[in-house]
């Protein structure tokens, strides 16, 4: 693994889905839908709206994806390109 790919993987772990400042419309994320909380199944999409008003949430910031799905951010994948 070269240094650049190691940094991207490391950076992906550091970026925290529980802090609102890390999430903005247009980024690609993985969320857990309410119906999937027990199984932990993740849904990938692009953030349309941030629904959590506070600066952080222990279970992840709630967002609406461009697809209309609503859930809490578990992983930030990066800019939608």
N, C-alpha and C. Protein backbone atom coordinates (compact mmCIF):
# COMPACT_ATOMS: atom_id res chain seq x y z
N UNK A 1 0.85 -1.17 0.00
CA UNK A 1 0.00 0.00 0.00
C UNK A 1 0.90 1.24 0.00
N UNK A 2 0.66 2.17 -0.94
CA UNK A 2 1.48 3.37 -0.96
C UNK A 2 1.01 4.36 0.10
N UNK A 3 1.82 5.39 0.35
CA UNK A 3 1.50 6.35 1.41
C UNK A 3 0.18 7.06 1.17
N UNK A 4 -0.12 7.41 -0.09
CA UNK A 4 -1.35 8.16 -0.40
C UNK A 4 -2.59 7.32 -0.09
N UNK A 5 -2.60 6.05 -0.50
CA UNK A 5 -3.79 5.23 -0.24
C UNK A 5 -3.93 4.95 1.26
N UNK A 6 -2.81 4.81 1.96
CA UNK A 6 -2.87 4.62 3.40
C UNK A 6 -3.49 5.85 4.06
N UNK A 7 -3.12 7.05 3.61
CA UNK A 7 -3.67 8.27 4.18
C UNK A 7 -5.17 8.35 3.95
N UNK A 8 -5.64 8.01 2.74
CA UNK A 8 -7.08 8.08 2.45
C UNK A 8 -7.84 7.13 3.37
N UNK A 9 -7.34 5.91 3.54
CA UNK A 9 -8.01 4.95 4.42
C UNK A 9 -8.00 5.46 5.85
N UNK A 10 -6.88 5.98 6.29
CA UNK A 10 -6.77 6.51 7.64
C UNK A 10 -7.71 7.69 7.81
N UNK A 11 -7.72 8.59 6.83
CA UNK A 11 -8.59 9.76 6.90
C UNK A 11 -10.07 9.32 6.96
N UNK A 12 -10.44 8.28 6.22
CA UNK A 12 -11.81 7.79 6.24
C UNK A 12 -12.24 7.33 7.61
N UNK A 13 -11.31 6.79 8.39
CA UNK A 13 -11.62 6.33 9.74
C UNK A 13 -11.73 7.51 10.70
N UNK A 14 -10.90 8.53 10.49
CA UNK A 14 -10.86 9.68 11.39
C UNK A 14 -12.13 10.53 11.26
N UNK A 15 -12.65 10.70 10.05
CA UNK A 15 -13.82 11.55 9.84
C UNK A 15 -15.02 10.90 10.55
N UNK A 16 -15.64 11.67 11.42
CA UNK A 16 -16.62 11.15 12.35
C UNK A 16 -18.04 11.53 11.95
N UNK A 17 -18.90 10.53 11.74
CA UNK A 17 -20.30 10.77 11.37
C UNK A 17 -21.16 11.26 12.51
N UNK A 18 -20.59 11.39 13.72
CA UNK A 18 -21.37 11.88 14.85
C UNK A 18 -21.24 13.40 15.01
N UNK A 19 -20.38 14.04 14.23
CA UNK A 19 -20.20 15.50 14.31
C UNK A 19 -20.74 16.18 13.06
N UNK A 20 -21.66 17.11 13.28
CA UNK A 20 -22.33 17.81 12.18
C UNK A 20 -21.35 18.55 11.28
N UNK A 21 -20.26 19.05 11.85
CA UNK A 21 -19.29 19.85 11.08
C UNK A 21 -18.61 19.02 9.98
N UNK A 22 -18.65 17.70 10.08
CA UNK A 22 -18.01 16.83 9.09
C UNK A 22 -18.92 16.48 7.91
N UNK A 23 -20.19 16.89 7.98
CA UNK A 23 -21.18 16.46 7.00
C UNK A 23 -21.79 17.69 6.34
N UNK A 24 -21.92 17.62 5.01
CA UNK A 24 -22.53 18.73 4.27
C UNK A 24 -23.26 18.16 3.06
N UNK A 25 -24.22 18.89 2.53
CA UNK A 25 -24.91 18.42 1.32
C UNK A 25 -23.90 18.17 0.19
N UNK A 26 -24.15 17.09 -0.54
CA UNK A 26 -23.31 16.76 -1.68
C UNK A 26 -22.24 15.73 -1.42
N UNK A 27 -22.02 15.36 -0.15
CA UNK A 27 -21.00 14.33 0.10
C UNK A 27 -21.65 12.95 0.12
N UNK A 28 -20.85 11.94 -0.21
CA UNK A 28 -21.32 10.56 -0.24
C UNK A 28 -21.10 9.95 1.14
N UNK A 29 -22.14 9.30 1.65
CA UNK A 29 -22.10 8.70 2.98
C UNK A 29 -22.77 7.33 2.96
N UNK A 30 -22.59 6.61 4.05
CA UNK A 30 -23.37 5.41 4.31
C UNK A 30 -24.16 5.67 5.58
N UNK A 31 -25.47 5.38 5.52
CA UNK A 31 -26.35 5.61 6.66
C UNK A 31 -26.99 4.29 7.06
N UNK A 32 -27.50 4.27 8.28
CA UNK A 32 -28.34 3.15 8.71
C UNK A 32 -29.77 3.69 8.82
N UNK A 33 -30.68 3.06 8.10
CA UNK A 33 -32.09 3.44 8.14
C UNK A 33 -32.70 2.93 9.45
N UNK A 34 -33.76 3.57 9.90
CA UNK A 34 -34.44 3.15 11.13
C UNK A 34 -34.79 1.66 11.09
N UNK A 35 -35.33 1.22 9.95
CA UNK A 35 -35.75 -0.18 9.83
C UNK A 35 -34.57 -1.15 9.86
N UNK A 36 -33.37 -0.65 9.60
CA UNK A 36 -32.18 -1.50 9.54
C UNK A 36 -31.29 -1.37 10.78
N UNK A 37 -31.75 -0.68 11.81
CA UNK A 37 -30.91 -0.47 12.99
C UNK A 37 -30.50 -1.77 13.65
N UNK A 38 -31.38 -2.72 13.71
CA UNK A 38 -31.07 -4.00 14.38
C UNK A 38 -30.01 -4.79 13.60
N UNK A 39 -30.14 -4.80 12.27
CA UNK A 39 -29.20 -5.57 11.45
C UNK A 39 -27.91 -4.79 11.16
N UNK A 40 -27.99 -3.46 11.20
CA UNK A 40 -26.83 -2.64 10.90
C UNK A 40 -26.57 -2.47 9.41
N UNK A 41 -27.52 -2.90 8.58
CA UNK A 41 -27.37 -2.78 7.12
C UNK A 41 -27.19 -1.31 6.75
N UNK A 42 -26.21 -1.04 5.89
CA UNK A 42 -25.92 0.34 5.49
C UNK A 42 -26.48 0.64 4.11
N UNK A 43 -26.91 1.88 3.93
CA UNK A 43 -27.42 2.38 2.66
C UNK A 43 -26.52 3.52 2.21
N UNK A 44 -26.02 3.44 0.99
CA UNK A 44 -25.11 4.47 0.47
C UNK A 44 -25.89 5.51 -0.33
N UNK A 45 -25.47 6.76 -0.22
CA UNK A 45 -26.10 7.82 -1.00
C UNK A 45 -25.42 9.15 -0.78
N UNK A 46 -26.02 10.17 -1.40
CA UNK A 46 -25.48 11.53 -1.34
C UNK A 46 -26.39 12.39 -0.46
N UNK A 47 -25.80 13.12 0.47
CA UNK A 47 -26.55 13.94 1.41
C UNK A 47 -27.27 15.07 0.69
N UNK A 48 -28.57 15.19 0.97
CA UNK A 48 -29.36 16.31 0.47
C UNK A 48 -29.57 17.33 1.58
N UNK A 49 -30.01 16.85 2.76
CA UNK A 49 -30.32 17.74 3.89
C UNK A 49 -29.77 17.14 5.18
N UNK A 50 -29.33 18.01 6.08
CA UNK A 50 -28.97 17.60 7.44
C UNK A 50 -30.19 17.82 8.31
N UNK A 51 -30.61 16.80 9.03
CA UNK A 51 -31.82 16.89 9.84
C UNK A 51 -31.54 17.08 11.33
N UNK A 52 -30.37 16.65 11.79
CA UNK A 52 -29.99 16.86 13.19
C UNK A 52 -29.54 18.31 13.33
N UNK A 53 -30.13 19.02 14.28
CA UNK A 53 -29.80 20.44 14.48
C UNK A 53 -28.63 20.65 15.42
N UNK A 54 -28.42 19.72 16.36
CA UNK A 54 -27.33 19.88 17.31
C UNK A 54 -25.98 19.61 16.63
N UNK A 55 -24.91 20.00 17.27
CA UNK A 55 -23.57 19.86 16.72
C UNK A 55 -23.07 18.43 16.65
N UNK A 56 -23.65 17.55 17.49
CA UNK A 56 -23.23 16.15 17.46
C UNK A 56 -24.37 15.27 17.97
N UNK A 57 -24.26 13.98 17.66
CA UNK A 57 -25.22 13.00 18.14
C UNK A 57 -24.47 11.68 18.28
N UNK A 58 -24.60 10.99 19.42
CA UNK A 58 -23.81 9.78 19.66
C UNK A 58 -24.06 8.64 18.67
N UNK A 59 -25.23 8.61 18.03
CA UNK A 59 -25.55 7.53 17.09
C UNK A 59 -25.38 7.95 15.64
N UNK A 60 -24.93 9.19 15.40
CA UNK A 60 -24.73 9.68 14.04
C UNK A 60 -25.70 10.79 13.70
N UNK A 61 -25.24 11.69 12.87
CA UNK A 61 -26.07 12.82 12.43
C UNK A 61 -27.14 12.30 11.48
N UNK A 62 -28.39 12.71 11.70
CA UNK A 62 -29.49 12.27 10.85
C UNK A 62 -29.51 13.14 9.59
N UNK A 63 -29.59 12.46 8.43
CA UNK A 63 -29.61 13.15 7.14
C UNK A 63 -30.69 12.58 6.24
N UNK A 64 -31.05 13.37 5.23
CA UNK A 64 -31.91 12.88 4.14
C UNK A 64 -31.01 12.80 2.91
N UNK A 65 -31.03 11.66 2.26
CA UNK A 65 -30.25 11.48 1.04
C UNK A 65 -31.02 12.01 -0.16
N UNK A 66 -30.33 12.20 -1.28
CA UNK A 66 -30.98 12.63 -2.51
C UNK A 66 -32.06 11.64 -2.95
N UNK A 67 -31.92 10.38 -2.54
CA UNK A 67 -32.92 9.35 -2.86
C UNK A 67 -34.18 9.48 -2.02
N UNK A 68 -34.12 10.30 -0.95
CA UNK A 68 -35.25 10.45 -0.04
C UNK A 68 -35.12 9.63 1.22
N UNK A 69 -34.18 8.69 1.25
CA UNK A 69 -33.96 7.87 2.45
C UNK A 69 -33.46 8.74 3.59
N UNK A 70 -33.90 8.43 4.81
CA UNK A 70 -33.50 9.17 6.01
C UNK A 70 -32.85 8.18 6.98
N UNK A 71 -31.70 8.57 7.52
CA UNK A 71 -31.02 7.72 8.48
C UNK A 71 -29.86 8.45 9.12
N UNK A 72 -29.14 7.73 9.97
CA UNK A 72 -27.98 8.31 10.67
C UNK A 72 -26.68 7.91 10.00
N UNK A 73 -25.79 8.90 9.86
CA UNK A 73 -24.51 8.67 9.17
C UNK A 73 -23.62 7.77 10.00
N UNK A 74 -23.16 6.69 9.37
CA UNK A 74 -22.23 5.75 10.00
C UNK A 74 -20.84 5.87 9.39
N UNK A 75 -20.77 6.25 8.11
CA UNK A 75 -19.48 6.36 7.44
C UNK A 75 -19.55 7.47 6.40
N UNK A 76 -18.51 8.28 6.37
CA UNK A 76 -18.39 9.34 5.36
C UNK A 76 -17.44 8.85 4.30
N UNK A 77 -17.94 8.79 3.05
CA UNK A 77 -17.13 8.25 1.96
C UNK A 77 -16.40 9.34 1.18
N UNK A 78 -16.84 10.59 1.29
CA UNK A 78 -16.14 11.68 0.63
C UNK A 78 -17.02 12.44 -0.34
N UNK A 79 -16.39 13.31 -1.12
CA UNK A 79 -17.12 14.13 -2.07
C UNK A 79 -17.76 13.27 -3.14
N UNK A 80 -18.91 13.66 -3.62
CA UNK A 80 -19.62 12.97 -4.67
C UNK A 80 -19.04 13.42 -6.00
N UNK A 81 -18.29 12.54 -6.64
CA UNK A 81 -17.66 12.90 -7.92
C UNK A 81 -18.06 11.95 -8.99
